[in-house]
């Protein structure tokens, strides 16, 4: 899974906005200059972020944008969804109609919602305050039921090739 350039730029711009003092009026031009995001893109993103309720806008003299709530209350998931829409790993998770040749026989679909929830939960667990910090915050993912992190490490130690997490290519004696 990879973020689009627009979502990536939105995260960078929101982190830059969060580094300013609370209530500071920000403009697309200011954030574009600080981040290197092209001005037309910054303007487009500021509108989307405001439309999603992450920024508030004020017109006129002294106008601009401010964070709609404290940086601690805005998550990475909020920013991504403001730009890309709901987080969904596959089309069948979104609940909209789509054309999939495997739908009738797919044995994975019932499990994808759990994976999607885990991904969204991980993104929800990273706050804008953390993203704006100069020091990266260690984020430890939640363990998967029945699979502990210690068992993954032990498996890696026994594996001679391949991925311990997926078991692909592993030779275990």
Protein backbone atom coordinates (compact mmCIF):
# COMPACT_ATOMS: atom_id res chain seq x y z
CA UNK A 1 0.00 0.00 0.00
CA UNK A 2 1.41 3.36 -1.00
CA UNK A 3 0.08 6.87 -0.45
CA UNK A 4 -0.66 8.99 -3.47
CA UNK A 5 1.48 12.09 -3.93
CA UNK A 6 -1.48 14.25 -2.89
CA UNK A 7 -1.92 12.37 0.38
CA UNK A 8 1.82 12.51 1.03
CA UNK A 9 1.84 16.27 0.38
CA UNK A 10 -1.18 16.73 2.65
CA UNK A 11 0.62 14.97 5.51
CA UNK A 12 3.73 17.11 4.98
CA UNK A 13 1.68 20.31 4.89
CA UNK A 14 -0.38 19.42 7.96
CA UNK A 15 2.80 18.60 9.88
CA UNK A 16 4.24 21.97 8.89
CA UNK A 17 1.00 23.68 9.98
CA UNK A 18 1.17 21.91 13.35
CA UNK A 19 4.67 23.28 13.96
CA UNK A 20 3.26 26.81 14.04
CA UNK A 21 1.83 28.22 17.24
CA UNK A 22 -1.79 27.35 18.02
CA UNK A 23 -4.22 29.64 16.23
CA UNK A 24 -1.60 30.97 13.80
CA UNK A 25 -3.15 32.02 10.47
CA UNK A 26 -1.49 30.08 7.68
CA UNK A 27 -1.73 30.47 3.94
CA UNK A 28 -1.20 28.00 1.13
CA UNK A 29 1.69 30.19 -0.07
CA UNK A 30 3.39 30.04 3.34
CA UNK A 31 3.05 26.26 3.65
CA UNK A 32 4.10 25.75 0.03
CA UNK A 33 7.24 27.79 0.66
CA UNK A 34 8.01 25.89 3.88
CA UNK A 35 7.43 22.42 2.46
CA UNK A 36 8.31 22.67 -1.23
CA UNK A 37 4.81 21.57 -2.27
CA UNK A 38 3.88 23.41 -5.49
CA UNK A 39 1.55 26.35 -4.74
CA UNK A 40 -1.38 25.16 -6.93
CA UNK A 41 -1.23 21.77 -5.21
CA UNK A 42 -1.02 23.40 -1.78
CA UNK A 43 -4.08 25.53 -2.57
CA UNK A 44 -6.04 22.48 -3.72
CA UNK A 45 -5.06 20.52 -0.61
CA UNK A 46 -5.91 23.35 1.79
CA UNK A 47 -9.41 23.38 0.31
CA UNK A 48 -9.79 19.61 0.70
CA UNK A 49 -8.43 19.63 4.25
CA UNK A 50 -10.78 22.48 5.17
CA UNK A 51 -13.68 20.66 3.55
CA UNK A 52 -12.89 17.60 5.68
CA UNK A 53 -12.92 19.70 8.85
CA UNK A 54 -9.19 19.46 9.57
CA UNK A 55 -8.58 23.15 8.84
CA UNK A 56 -10.79 26.17 9.36
CA UNK A 57 -10.62 29.08 6.99
CA UNK A 58 -11.14 32.80 7.45
CA UNK A 59 -11.45 35.24 4.55
CA UNK A 60 -10.38 38.83 4.30
CA UNK A 61 -7.58 40.78 5.92
CA UNK A 62 -5.72 38.59 8.36
CA UNK A 63 -7.45 35.56 6.90
CA UNK A 64 -5.98 32.18 6.26
CA UNK A 65 -6.23 28.70 7.67
CA UNK A 66 -5.80 27.30 11.17
CA UNK A 67 -5.91 23.75 12.48
CA UNK A 68 -9.54 22.95 13.29
CA UNK A 69 -8.49 21.10 16.45
CA UNK A 70 -5.35 20.37 18.43
CA UNK A 71 -2.66 18.41 16.59
CA UNK A 72 -3.04 15.57 19.10
CA UNK A 73 -6.66 15.19 17.98
CA UNK A 74 -5.88 14.80 14.27
CA UNK A 75 -4.62 11.43 13.07
CA UNK A 76 -2.68 10.29 10.04
CA UNK A 77 -5.82 8.37 9.02
CA UNK A 78 -7.86 11.60 9.18
CA UNK A 79 -5.45 13.34 6.80
CA UNK A 80 -5.28 10.46 4.34
CA UNK A 81 -9.07 10.07 4.29
CA UNK A 82 -9.51 13.81 3.74
CA UNK A 83 -7.57 13.50 0.50
CA UNK A 84 -8.17 9.93 -0.70
CA UNK A 85 -11.49 8.98 0.85
CA UNK A 86 -12.07 5.96 3.07
CA UNK A 87 -9.08 3.71 3.65
CA UNK A 88 -9.73 0.44 1.85
CA UNK A 89 -7.10 -2.07 0.85
CA UNK A 90 -9.29 -3.55 -1.89
CA UNK A 91 -12.47 -2.62 -3.75
CA UNK A 92 -14.51 -5.33 -2.04
CA UNK A 93 -13.96 -3.71 1.35
CA UNK A 94 -15.53 -0.43 0.28
CA UNK A 95 -18.95 -2.02 -0.16
CA UNK A 96 -19.48 -0.38 -3.55
CA UNK A 97 -20.13 -2.33 -6.71
CA UNK A 98 -17.08 -3.40 -8.65
CA UNK A 99 -16.21 -6.00 -11.23
CA UNK A 100 -14.19 -8.84 -9.75
CA UNK A 101 -13.79 -12.17 -11.52
CA UNK A 102 -12.94 -13.91 -8.24
CA UNK A 103 -15.87 -12.70 -6.15
CA UNK A 104 -17.85 -15.97 -6.20
CA UNK A 105 -14.95 -18.19 -5.18
CA UNK A 106 -12.84 -15.77 -3.13
CA UNK A 107 -11.91 -17.24 0.23
CA UNK A 108 -9.90 -14.20 1.30
CA UNK A 109 -12.61 -11.55 1.16
CA UNK A 110 -14.11 -12.44 4.56
CA UNK A 111 -10.71 -11.83 6.17
CA UNK A 112 -9.79 -8.61 4.43
CA UNK A 113 -11.96 -6.45 6.67
CA UNK A 114 -9.84 -7.46 9.67
CA UNK A 115 -6.66 -6.55 7.79
CA UNK A 116 -8.17 -3.26 6.65
CA UNK A 117 -9.25 -2.45 10.20
CA UNK A 118 -5.71 -3.15 11.44
CA UNK A 119 -4.17 -0.86 8.80
CA UNK A 120 -6.64 1.92 9.54
CA UNK A 121 -6.07 1.45 13.28
CA UNK A 122 -2.32 1.80 12.83
CA UNK A 123 -2.80 5.03 10.85
CA UNK A 124 -5.33 6.28 13.42
CA UNK A 125 -2.73 5.67 16.14
CA UNK A 126 -0.30 8.23 14.72
CA UNK A 127 -1.22 11.81 15.65
CA UNK A 128 -0.38 14.99 13.80
CA UNK A 129 1.50 16.04 16.94
CA UNK A 130 3.79 13.03 16.47
CA UNK A 131 4.22 13.78 12.77
CA UNK A 132 5.16 17.38 13.52
CA UNK A 133 7.75 16.40 16.12
CA UNK A 134 11.42 16.68 15.24
CA UNK A 135 12.03 13.37 17.02
CA UNK A 136 10.36 10.31 15.49
CA UNK A 137 8.08 8.42 17.85
CA UNK A 138 8.43 4.65 17.98
CA UNK A 139 5.14 3.07 17.04
CA UNK A 140 4.65 -0.56 17.95
CA UNK A 141 1.93 -2.26 15.95
CA UNK A 142 -0.77 -4.21 17.73
CA UNK A 143 -0.11 -7.95 17.64
CA UNK A 144 -2.24 -10.21 15.50
CA UNK A 145 -4.31 -12.69 17.49
CA UNK A 146 -2.43 -15.96 17.75
CA UNK A 147 0.85 -14.45 16.58
CA UNK A 148 3.15 -12.78 19.02
CA UNK A 149 6.07 -10.56 18.15
CA UNK A 150 8.39 -12.92 20.02
CA UNK A 151 7.26 -15.82 17.81
CA UNK A 152 8.07 -13.72 14.74
CA UNK A 153 11.57 -13.02 16.07
CA UNK A 154 12.08 -16.69 16.92
CA UNK A 155 10.92 -17.69 13.44
CA UNK A 156 13.34 -15.21 11.87
CA UNK A 157 16.17 -16.78 13.81
CA UNK A 158 15.30 -20.26 12.49
CA UNK A 159 14.62 -19.20 8.93
CA UNK A 160 17.45 -19.49 6.49
CA UNK A 161 15.69 -17.69 3.63
CA UNK A 162 12.45 -15.88 2.93
CA UNK A 163 10.12 -13.97 5.17
CA UNK A 164 9.41 -15.12 8.71
CA UNK A 165 6.21 -13.08 8.84
CA UNK A 166 4.63 -14.72 5.81
CA UNK A 167 6.45 -18.04 5.92
CA UNK A 168 7.20 -17.75 2.20
CA UNK A 169 10.47 -19.35 1.30
CA UNK A 170 11.27 -20.43 4.87
CA UNK A 171 12.91 -23.71 5.63
CA UNK A 172 12.27 -24.76 9.18
CA UNK A 173 13.96 -27.89 10.50
